[in-house]
């Protein structure tokens, strides 16, 4: 399977920044900001890495699709932040930030180990990881719309780029004794495949989602336990910034909408979420325990699941801090596959940077294509359209693409995703529809054969 995975990685295609057009409107050649004449593009960002210059289009989306009063900035150099976490010691940088009246500034890499043990001798990866340390989320209290705030910040020559924070949502549409209800299993010939391989307990899949019922009767035996952490001793034994992350992690906590908008996350080591069970549905498709006399059989059979919760029980805001979770998951030596059954419109330089970091750390990032029924070859669905993601669309039982599945050359493959029978929180089961589940149906088969 190693050669198959290599082939999958080689054939990835996705969004790439274009060469710099000659008609871009320059405001200040010392900054990376360029104005746009198109209504669907808020502005352009030009980045020179010393060898090549690229222009990134920052899409103008409806205000419901990005966070209010919050932006991402990346500084050109390493900066020191005030103890108040509301500014920097760089006077030039602070002068621009004062226009926003920041309430909180948070480093992207706060609480995350950046020196990945996977590629200690990889200088390209080391440079990328160091680059991520210059990215910050700025929460602010001024009247400025995030797009205008970004343009104001990019007038400063000490800022490499600034961009809004786009919302990401679940790719889901509501809809053993029950093995006969799993039509997708027979459609992809999983039973015949299991005659060749029934997966490996050494394969670990990070499920970044709403949270997972780790005690479910058809999931508990396939949950991965972090061997580098001592349970319940209150110590960060593996020194990865997360105390007692034995059975998974909660990147968000049970926060309110206001706390979300102010960046007041409350991380803990409990990845369960009983009010939003999307993550439990996804986990069952990946690796519901087989041969245990109850419920279903996940395609992955024996592969292990590492749940990372990126949603609050109080609010229905979709995925929160999903890309922070990708960075966290990819730091584990044991995790080779990361599942993201979610997404939304809006290309982000920061998100792409994180995906590329996970890729260079040796992780296969598998994403759902999205449920908008549109061609995504010009973007429109992320993370699915990022270059180093493997994107999966949805089919019906007749092997034809379902009308609501996104499609195009950027969708790498298709798999069953309509009325998929899977696990539900509280030892229950349900049918669910969406590329969230076609995604993990195929992912489970990749998992199952990765030991060959």
Protein backbone atom coordinates (compact mmCIF):
# COMPACT_ATOMS: atom_id res chain seq x y z
CA UNK A 1 0.00 0.00 0.00
CA UNK A 2 3.00 2.26 0.49
CA UNK A 3 3.35 2.56 -3.30
CA UNK A 4 -0.38 3.19 -3.68
CA UNK A 5 -0.29 6.01 -1.14
CA UNK A 6 2.74 7.46 -2.90
CA UNK A 7 0.80 7.45 -6.16
CA UNK A 8 -2.16 9.14 -4.47
CA UNK A 9 0.11 11.88 -3.19
CA UNK A 10 1.83 12.38 -6.54
CA UNK A 11 -1.40 12.87 -8.45
CA UNK A 12 -2.80 15.53 -6.14
CA UNK A 13 -3.93 18.64 -7.97
CA UNK A 14 -5.33 21.82 -6.49
CA UNK A 15 -5.30 25.57 -6.22
CA UNK A 16 -2.02 27.23 -7.09
CA UNK A 17 -1.15 30.89 -6.91
CA UNK A 18 -0.78 32.54 -10.30
CA UNK A 19 2.06 34.57 -11.71
CA UNK A 20 1.89 38.30 -11.04
CA UNK A 21 -0.28 40.05 -13.66
CA UNK A 22 1.04 43.34 -15.00
CA UNK A 23 -2.18 45.31 -14.37
CA UNK A 24 -2.30 45.03 -10.58
CA UNK A 25 -2.83 48.36 -8.86
CA UNK A 26 0.09 49.13 -6.53
CA UNK A 27 -0.57 51.10 -3.37
CA UNK A 28 2.94 50.88 -2.01
CA UNK A 29 5.68 48.72 -3.50
CA UNK A 30 7.14 48.18 -0.04
CA UNK A 31 4.03 46.23 0.99
CA UNK A 32 2.42 43.07 -0.43
CA UNK A 33 -1.04 44.63 -0.89
CA UNK A 34 -2.45 45.09 -4.39
CA UNK A 35 -5.93 46.39 -5.16
CA UNK A 36 -8.36 44.44 -7.29
CA UNK A 37 -10.68 45.62 -10.06
CA UNK A 38 -12.92 42.57 -9.67
CA UNK A 39 -15.99 42.64 -7.45
CA UNK A 40 -15.46 39.05 -6.27
CA UNK A 41 -11.86 39.71 -5.19
CA UNK A 42 -11.33 41.93 -2.14
CA UNK A 43 -7.61 42.46 -2.81
CA UNK A 44 -4.48 40.62 -3.89
CA UNK A 45 -1.48 39.54 -1.84
CA UNK A 46 1.91 39.35 -3.54
CA UNK A 47 4.51 37.22 -1.79
CA UNK A 48 8.14 36.90 -2.85
CA UNK A 49 9.92 33.91 -1.30
CA UNK A 50 13.30 34.93 -2.69
CA UNK A 51 13.02 32.67 -5.73
CA UNK A 52 9.52 33.26 -7.04
CA UNK A 53 6.77 35.85 -6.66
CA UNK A 54 3.17 34.71 -6.40
CA UNK A 55 -0.10 36.57 -6.25
CA UNK A 56 -2.94 35.27 -4.10
CA UNK A 57 -6.52 36.37 -4.65
CA UNK A 58 -8.39 37.07 -1.42
CA UNK A 59 -12.06 36.35 -2.25
CA UNK A 60 -14.80 38.73 -1.16
CA UNK A 61 -17.46 36.60 0.54
CA UNK A 62 -20.77 37.35 2.17
CA UNK A 63 -20.40 38.54 5.78
CA UNK A 64 -22.05 35.35 7.03
CA UNK A 65 -19.07 33.35 5.77
CA UNK A 66 -16.32 34.94 7.85
CA UNK A 67 -15.80 35.94 11.47
CA UNK A 68 -16.57 39.50 12.56
CA UNK A 69 -13.93 41.55 14.38
CA UNK A 70 -11.12 39.07 13.82
CA UNK A 71 -8.37 38.69 11.21
CA UNK A 72 -5.18 36.73 10.65
CA UNK A 73 -1.88 38.52 10.12
CA UNK A 74 1.57 37.20 9.28
CA UNK A 75 4.53 39.38 10.15
CA UNK A 76 7.60 39.62 7.93
CA UNK A 77 9.96 39.00 10.84
CA UNK A 78 9.88 37.45 14.28
CA UNK A 79 8.08 39.78 16.69
CA UNK A 80 7.78 40.01 20.47
CA UNK A 81 4.30 40.42 21.88
CA UNK A 82 3.32 42.57 24.87
CA UNK A 83 2.52 40.73 28.07
CA UNK A 84 -1.03 42.07 27.68
CA UNK A 85 -1.34 40.10 24.41
CA UNK A 86 -2.87 43.16 22.78
CA UNK A 87 0.12 44.41 20.82
CA UNK A 88 3.79 44.11 19.83
CA UNK A 89 6.96 45.88 20.89
CA UNK A 90 7.57 46.81 17.24
CA UNK A 91 6.42 50.46 17.20
CA UNK A 92 5.69 50.50 13.47
CA UNK A 93 3.55 47.37 13.74
CA UNK A 94 1.82 48.61 16.86
CA UNK A 95 0.93 51.90 15.20
CA UNK A 96 -1.13 50.07 12.58
CA UNK A 97 -2.72 47.70 15.08
CA UNK A 98 -3.90 50.62 17.21
CA UNK A 99 -6.42 51.43 14.45
CA UNK A 100 -8.19 48.17 15.31
CA UNK A 101 -8.11 48.48 19.10
CA UNK A 102 -7.06 44.83 19.60
CA UNK A 103 -8.68 42.97 22.48
CA UNK A 104 -6.50 39.87 22.12
CA UNK A 105 -3.68 38.60 19.90
CA UNK A 106 -2.95 34.87 19.75
CA UNK A 107 -0.05 33.12 18.03
CA UNK A 108 -1.06 30.33 15.65
CA UNK A 109 1.48 28.03 17.27
CA UNK A 110 0.52 28.76 20.88
CA UNK A 111 0.20 25.46 22.74
CA UNK A 112 1.46 23.42 19.76
CA UNK A 113 4.87 21.78 19.44
CA UNK A 114 6.42 22.97 16.18
CA UNK A 115 9.63 20.95 16.01
CA UNK A 116 8.10 17.83 14.49
CA UNK A 117 10.05 14.64 15.25
CA UNK A 118 8.99 13.24 11.88
CA UNK A 119 11.41 15.22 9.72
CA UNK A 120 14.23 16.45 11.92
CA UNK A 121 16.65 16.68 8.97
CA UNK A 122 14.14 18.24 6.55
CA UNK A 123 15.31 21.84 6.19
CA UNK A 124 12.29 22.80 4.06
CA UNK A 125 9.93 21.58 6.77
CA UNK A 126 11.95 23.34 9.47
CA UNK A 127 11.70 26.61 7.55
CA UNK A 128 7.96 26.15 7.07
CA UNK A 129 7.41 25.39 10.76
CA UNK A 130 9.40 28.49 11.74
CA UNK A 131 7.36 30.53 9.28
CA UNK A 132 4.13 29.51 11.01
CA UNK A 133 5.40 31.11 14.21
CA UNK A 134 4.91 34.52 12.56
CA UNK A 135 1.14 34.03 12.14
CA UNK A 136 -1.29 35.59 14.62
CA UNK A 137 -5.05 35.89 15.10
CA UNK A 138 -6.04 39.45 16.00
CA UNK A 139 -9.37 39.98 17.78
CA UNK A 140 -10.37 43.65 17.77
CA UNK A 141 -13.03 46.12 18.89
CA UNK A 142 -13.15 48.72 16.11
CA UNK A 143 -15.99 49.22 13.62
CA UNK A 144 -13.90 48.04 10.65
CA UNK A 145 -15.09 45.10 8.57
CA UNK A 146 -12.39 42.39 8.49
CA UNK A 147 -11.67 43.01 4.79
CA UNK A 148 -11.03 46.69 5.43
CA UNK A 149 -9.03 45.84 8.53
CA UNK A 150 -6.86 43.50 6.48
CA UNK A 151 -6.14 46.17 3.87
CA UNK A 152 -5.25 48.66 6.60
CA UNK A 153 -2.83 46.16 8.15
CA UNK A 154 -1.24 45.35 4.82
CA UNK A 155 -0.32 48.98 4.29
CA UNK A 156 2.32 48.28 6.93
CA UNK A 157 5.61 47.00 5.49
CA UNK A 158 6.17 44.79 8.56
CA UNK A 159 3.13 42.65 7.68
CA UNK A 160 3.52 39.94 5.04
CA UNK A 161 -0.21 39.40 4.64
CA UNK A 162 -3.56 39.76 6.39
CA UNK A 163 -6.77 37.87 5.67
CA UNK A 164 -10.24 37.23 7.14
CA UNK A 165 -11.04 34.06 9.09
CA UNK A 166 -13.45 31.99 7.00
CA UNK A 167 -16.11 29.79 8.57
CA UNK A 168 -15.91 26.04 7.91
CA UNK A 169 -18.95 23.80 8.25
CA UNK A 170 -19.75 20.09 8.31
CA UNK A 171 -20.37 18.36 4.96
CA UNK A 172 -23.46 16.61 6.23
CA UNK A 173 -27.16 16.36 5.40
CA UNK A 174 -29.48 14.78 8.09
CA UNK A 175 -31.41 12.07 6.92
CA UNK A 176 -22.82 -6.49 12.83
CA UNK A 177 -26.67 -7.07 13.34
CA UNK A 178 -27.06 -4.04 11.04
CA UNK A 179 -24.31 -4.99 8.61
CA UNK A 180 -26.90 -5.55 5.88
CA UNK A 181 -27.81 -1.84 6.08
CA UNK A 182 -24.30 -0.82 5.01
CA UNK A 183 -24.80 -0.80 1.23
CA UNK A 184 -21.56 1.11 0.67
CA UNK A 185 -19.53 -1.71 2.19
CA UNK A 186 -20.68 -4.18 -0.45
CA UNK A 187 -20.53 -1.58 -3.23
CA UNK A 188 -16.77 -1.11 -2.77
CA UNK A 189 -16.23 -4.88 -2.27
CA UNK A 190 -14.99 -4.41 1.28
CA UNK A 191 -15.74 -8.03 2.26
CA UNK A 192 -13.49 -9.35 -0.50
CA UNK A 193 -10.86 -6.79 0.48
CA UNK A 194 -10.96 -7.96 4.09
CA UNK A 195 -9.93 -11.43 2.83
CA UNK A 196 -6.63 -9.76 1.88
CA UNK A 197 -6.23 -7.38 4.82
CA UNK A 198 -8.23 -6.39 7.87
CA UNK A 199 -6.28 -3.29 8.61
CA UNK A 200 -3.65 -2.69 11.24
CA UNK A 201 -3.82 -1.38 14.78
CA UNK A 202 -0.64 0.56 14.01
CA UNK A 203 -2.51 2.79 11.54
CA UNK A 204 -3.90 5.84 13.35
CA UNK A 205 -6.42 8.25 11.80
CA UNK A 206 -7.00 11.68 13.34
CA UNK A 207 -10.72 12.51 13.05
CA UNK A 208 -10.97 16.30 13.25
CA UNK A 209 -14.64 16.96 13.73
CA UNK A 210 -17.41 17.91 16.18
CA UNK A 211 -16.22 15.39 18.78
CA UNK A 212 -16.56 11.63 19.20
CA UNK A 213 -18.27 9.29 21.65
CA UNK A 214 -15.12 7.38 22.62
CA UNK A 215 -17.13 4.96 24.79
CA UNK A 216 -19.55 3.88 22.04
CA UNK A 217 -19.94 0.09 21.95
CA UNK A 218 -18.82 0.01 18.30
CA UNK A 219 -15.94 2.49 18.63
CA UNK A 220 -14.27 2.09 22.03
CA UNK A 221 -12.04 -0.85 21.07
CA UNK A 222 -10.67 1.04 18.06
CA UNK A 223 -9.77 4.24 19.89
CA UNK A 224 -6.06 5.03 19.93
CA UNK A 225 -4.38 5.79 23.26
CA UNK A 226 -1.45 8.20 23.28
CA UNK A 227 1.43 6.05 24.62
CA UNK A 228 3.55 9.10 25.46
CA UNK A 229 1.13 10.43 28.08
CA UNK A 230 0.43 9.12 31.61
CA UNK A 231 -3.34 9.27 32.28
CA UNK A 232 -4.70 11.74 34.80
CA UNK A 233 -1.39 12.83 36.35
CA UNK A 234 -1.93 16.48 35.43
CA UNK A 235 1.43 16.61 33.63
CA UNK A 236 2.21 17.20 29.98
CA UNK A 237 4.42 14.10 29.80
CA UNK A 238 5.10 14.26 26.05
CA UNK A 239 5.66 18.05 26.21
CA UNK A 240 3.37 18.78 23.26
CA UNK A 241 1.46 21.57 24.98
CA UNK A 242 -1.55 19.39 25.89
CA UNK A 243 -1.89 18.00 29.42
CA UNK A 244 -3.20 14.41 29.63
CA UNK A 245 -4.15 14.13 25.94
CA UNK A 246 -4.55 10.38 26.35
CA UNK A 247 -7.76 9.65 24.41
CA UNK A 248 -8.02 12.73 22.18
CA UNK A 249 -8.36 16.48 22.61
CA UNK A 250 -10.93 19.28 22.66
CA UNK A 251 -9.57 22.36 20.84
CA UNK A 252 -12.60 24.51 21.71
CA UNK A 253 -14.47 23.73 24.93
CA UNK A 254 -18.15 24.30 25.61
CA UNK A 255 -18.05 28.00 24.74
CA UNK A 256 -20.70 30.56 23.76
CA UNK A 257 -20.87 32.53 20.51
CA UNK A 258 -19.47 35.64 22.22
CA UNK A 259 -16.57 33.65 23.63
CA UNK A 260 -15.91 32.27 20.15
CA UNK A 261 -15.83 35.75 18.61
CA UNK A 262 -13.44 36.92 21.34
CA UNK A 263 -11.13 33.92 20.99
CA UNK A 264 -11.84 32.63 24.50
CA UNK A 265 -11.35 28.93 23.83
CA UNK A 266 -11.25 26.43 26.70
CA UNK A 267 -9.19 23.43 25.67
CA UNK A 268 -9.40 20.15 27.59
CA UNK A 269 -8.76 16.42 27.16
CA UNK A 270 -12.37 15.29 26.61
CA UNK A 271 -13.18 14.94 22.88
CA UNK A 272 -16.85 13.99 23.40
CA UNK A 273 -19.79 16.02 22.11
CA UNK A 274 -23.30 14.68 22.70
CA UNK A 275 -25.19 17.59 21.14
CA UNK A 276 -23.44 17.43 17.75
CA UNK A 277 -22.77 13.82 16.77
CA UNK A 278 -21.28 14.40 13.32
CA UNK A 279 -17.84 13.31 14.56
CA UNK A 280 -19.26 10.06 15.98
CA UNK A 281 -21.00 9.40 12.65
CA UNK A 282 -17.71 9.93 10.82
CA UNK A 283 -15.71 7.75 13.22
CA UNK A 284 -18.04 4.80 12.66
CA UNK A 285 -17.47 4.94 8.92
CA UNK A 286 -13.71 5.07 9.42
CA UNK A 287 -13.38 2.17 11.82
CA UNK A 288 -16.49 0.92 13.57
CA UNK A 289 -15.36 -2.23 15.41
CA UNK A 290 -15.88 -5.39 13.33
CA UNK A 291 -16.49 -8.95 14.51
CA UNK A 292 -17.82 -7.83 17.90
CA UNK A 293 -21.41 -9.03 17.50
CA UNK A 294 -22.98 -5.55 17.66
CA UNK A 295 -23.83 -2.74 15.27
CA UNK A 296 -21.75 -2.13 12.17
CA UNK A 297 -18.36 -2.90 10.68
CA UNK A 298 -16.25 0.10 9.72
CA UNK A 299 -14.22 -0.14 6.53
CA UNK A 300 -10.95 0.31 8.43
CA UNK A 301 -11.73 -2.80 10.51
CA UNK A 302 -8.81 -2.61 12.99
CA UNK A 303 -7.35 0.84 12.40
CA UNK A 304 -7.24 3.23 15.32
CA UNK A 305 -9.04 6.57 15.70
CA UNK A 306 -7.71 9.72 17.41
CA UNK A 307 -10.60 12.18 17.88
CA UNK A 308 -10.02 15.93 18.01
CA UNK A 309 -13.09 17.99 18.92
CA UNK A 310 -13.44 21.31 17.06
CA UNK A 311 -16.98 22.36 17.93
CA UNK A 312 -18.89 23.67 20.93
CA UNK A 313 -21.98 22.03 22.39
CA UNK A 314 -23.59 25.46 22.87
CA UNK A 315 -23.40 26.88 19.37
CA UNK A 316 -23.92 25.74 15.78
CA UNK A 317 -20.97 27.55 14.20
CA UNK A 318 -19.51 24.53 12.39
CA UNK A 319 -15.84 23.66 12.74
CA UNK A 320 -13.78 25.95 14.98
CA UNK A 321 -9.96 25.89 14.94
CA UNK A 322 -9.89 22.98 12.51
CA UNK A 323 -6.52 24.02 11.10
CA UNK A 324 -5.00 24.33 14.56
CA UNK A 325 -6.10 20.72 15.00
CA UNK A 326 -4.40 19.68 11.75
CA UNK A 327 -1.16 21.21 13.00
CA UNK A 328 -1.56 19.40 16.33
CA UNK A 329 -2.43 16.01 14.81
CA UNK A 330 0.44 16.09 12.32
CA UNK A 331 2.96 16.50 15.15
CA UNK A 332 2.35 12.90 16.30
CA UNK A 333 4.78 10.35 14.89
CA UNK A 334 2.04 7.69 14.86
CA UNK A 335 -0.60 9.67 12.94
CA UNK A 336 -0.27 9.27 9.18
CA UNK A 337 -3.81 10.11 8.05
CA UNK A 338 -5.95 13.15 8.96
CA UNK A 339 -9.65 13.22 8.12
CA UNK A 340 -11.50 16.51 7.52
CA UNK A 341 -15.20 16.00 6.69
CA UNK A 342 -15.89 19.74 6.53
CA UNK A 343 -15.05 22.92 4.64
CA UNK A 344 -16.36 26.04 2.97
CA UNK A 345 -15.61 28.81 0.46
CA UNK A 346 -12.67 31.19 0.69
CA UNK A 347 -9.03 30.44 -0.12
CA UNK A 348 -6.72 31.12 2.83
CA UNK A 349 -2.93 31.46 2.64
CA UNK A 350 -2.68 30.43 6.29
CA UNK A 351 -4.79 27.32 5.83
CA UNK A 352 -2.78 26.28 2.78
CA UNK A 353 0.44 26.79 4.75
CA UNK A 354 -0.83 24.47 7.51
CA UNK A 355 -1.94 21.81 5.01
CA UNK A 356 1.50 21.93 3.36
CA UNK A 357 3.18 21.58 6.75
CA UNK A 358 1.11 18.48 7.56
CA UNK A 359 1.93 17.06 4.12
CA UNK A 360 5.66 17.58 4.61
CA UNK A 361 5.39 15.93 8.01
CA UNK A 362 4.23 12.82 6.18
CA UNK A 363 0.47 13.03 6.69
CA UNK A 364 -2.21 12.22 4.13
CA UNK A 365 -4.94 14.86 4.57
CA UNK A 366 -8.24 13.42 3.29
CA UNK A 367 -11.13 15.85 2.78
CA UNK A 368 -14.76 15.76 1.70
CA UNK A 369 -15.43 17.57 -1.58
CA UNK A 370 -18.50 19.41 -0.28
CA UNK A 371 -22.27 19.26 -0.77
CA UNK A 372 -22.94 22.30 -2.98
CA UNK A 373 -23.41 20.40 -6.27
CA UNK A 374 -20.91 22.66 -8.05
CA UNK A 375 -17.73 22.47 -10.10
CA UNK A 376 -14.84 23.32 -7.77
CA UNK A 377 -12.01 23.49 -10.32
CA UNK A 378 -11.74 27.24 -9.78
CA UNK A 379 -11.85 26.85 -6.00
CA UNK A 380 -14.91 27.42 -3.85
CA UNK A 381 -14.46 24.49 -1.44
CA UNK A 382 -11.64 24.39 1.07
CA UNK A 383 -9.69 22.48 2.32
CA UNK A 384 -10.74 20.15 -0.54
CA UNK A 385 -9.20 22.41 -3.22
CA UNK A 386 -5.81 22.88 -1.57
CA UNK A 387 -3.00 21.25 -3.48
CA UNK A 388 -1.91 18.70 -0.89
CA UNK A 389 -5.37 17.44 0.07
CA UNK A 390 -7.03 14.28 -1.26
CA UNK A 391 -10.63 15.20 -2.07
CA UNK A 392 -13.54 12.73 -2.20
CA UNK A 393 -16.97 13.20 -3.79
CA UNK A 394 -20.21 11.29 -3.21
CA UNK A 395 -22.06 8.56 -5.16
CA UNK A 396 -25.45 6.87 -4.85
CA UNK A 397 -26.02 3.11 -4.82
CA UNK A 398 -26.16 3.18 -8.66
CA UNK A 399 -22.50 4.29 -8.78
CA UNK A 400 -23.43 7.72 -10.16
CA UNK A 401 -22.39 10.99 -8.57
CA UNK A 402 -25.08 12.35 -6.27
CA UNK A 403 -26.58 15.68 -7.37
CA UNK A 404 -25.44 17.52 -4.24
CA UNK A 405 -21.83 16.35 -4.46
CA UNK A 406 -19.24 18.86 -5.64
CA UNK A 407 -17.40 17.74 -8.74
CA UNK A 408 -14.55 18.56 -11.10
CA UNK A 409 -10.91 17.63 -11.73
CA UNK A 410 -10.01 18.71 -8.20
CA UNK A 411 -12.25 15.96 -6.82
CA UNK A 412 -9.84 13.04 -6.84
CA UNK A 413 -12.25 10.11 -6.41
CA UNK A 414 -15.87 9.34 -5.51
CA UNK A 415 -17.31 6.90 -2.97
CA UNK A 416 -20.70 5.92 -1.45
CA UNK A 417 -22.15 8.79 0.58
CA UNK A 418 -25.96 8.56 0.49
CA UNK A 419 -27.86 6.99 3.41
CA UNK A 420 -24.66 5.65 4.96
CA UNK A 421 -25.43 3.60 8.07
CA UNK A 422 -23.07 4.45 10.91
CA UNK A 423 -22.61 5.06 14.64
CA UNK A 424 -24.52 7.66 16.66
CA UNK A 425 -23.66 8.89 20.16
CA UNK A 426 -25.05 6.86 23.05
CA UNK A 427 -24.63 3.37 21.55
CA UNK A 428 -27.09 4.22 18.78
CA UNK A 429 -26.92 4.08 14.96
CA UNK A 430 -28.30 6.16 12.11
CA UNK A 431 -28.31 6.79 8.38
CA UNK A 432 -26.50 9.90 7.20
CA UNK A 433 -25.86 11.56 3.84
CA UNK A 434 -23.06 13.83 2.66
CA UNK A 435 -19.52 13.89 1.31
CA UNK A 436 -18.51 13.73 4.99
CA UNK A 437 -19.31 10.04 4.78
CA UNK A 438 -18.17 9.23 1.23
CA UNK A 439 -14.92 10.76 2.41
CA UNK A 440 -14.45 8.32 5.26
CA UNK A 441 -15.87 5.33 3.39
CA UNK A 442 -12.93 5.56 1.03
CA UNK A 443 -10.59 6.67 3.80
CA UNK A 444 -11.37 3.49 5.72
CA UNK A 445 -10.30 1.41 2.73
CA UNK A 446 -7.04 3.35 2.48
CA UNK A 447 -6.48 2.74 6.19
CA UNK A 448 -7.22 -0.94 5.87
CA UNK A 449 -4.59 -1.50 3.19
CA UNK A 450 -1.90 0.88 4.44
CA UNK A 451 -0.24 -2.01 6.26
CA UNK A 452 0.41 -3.95 3.04
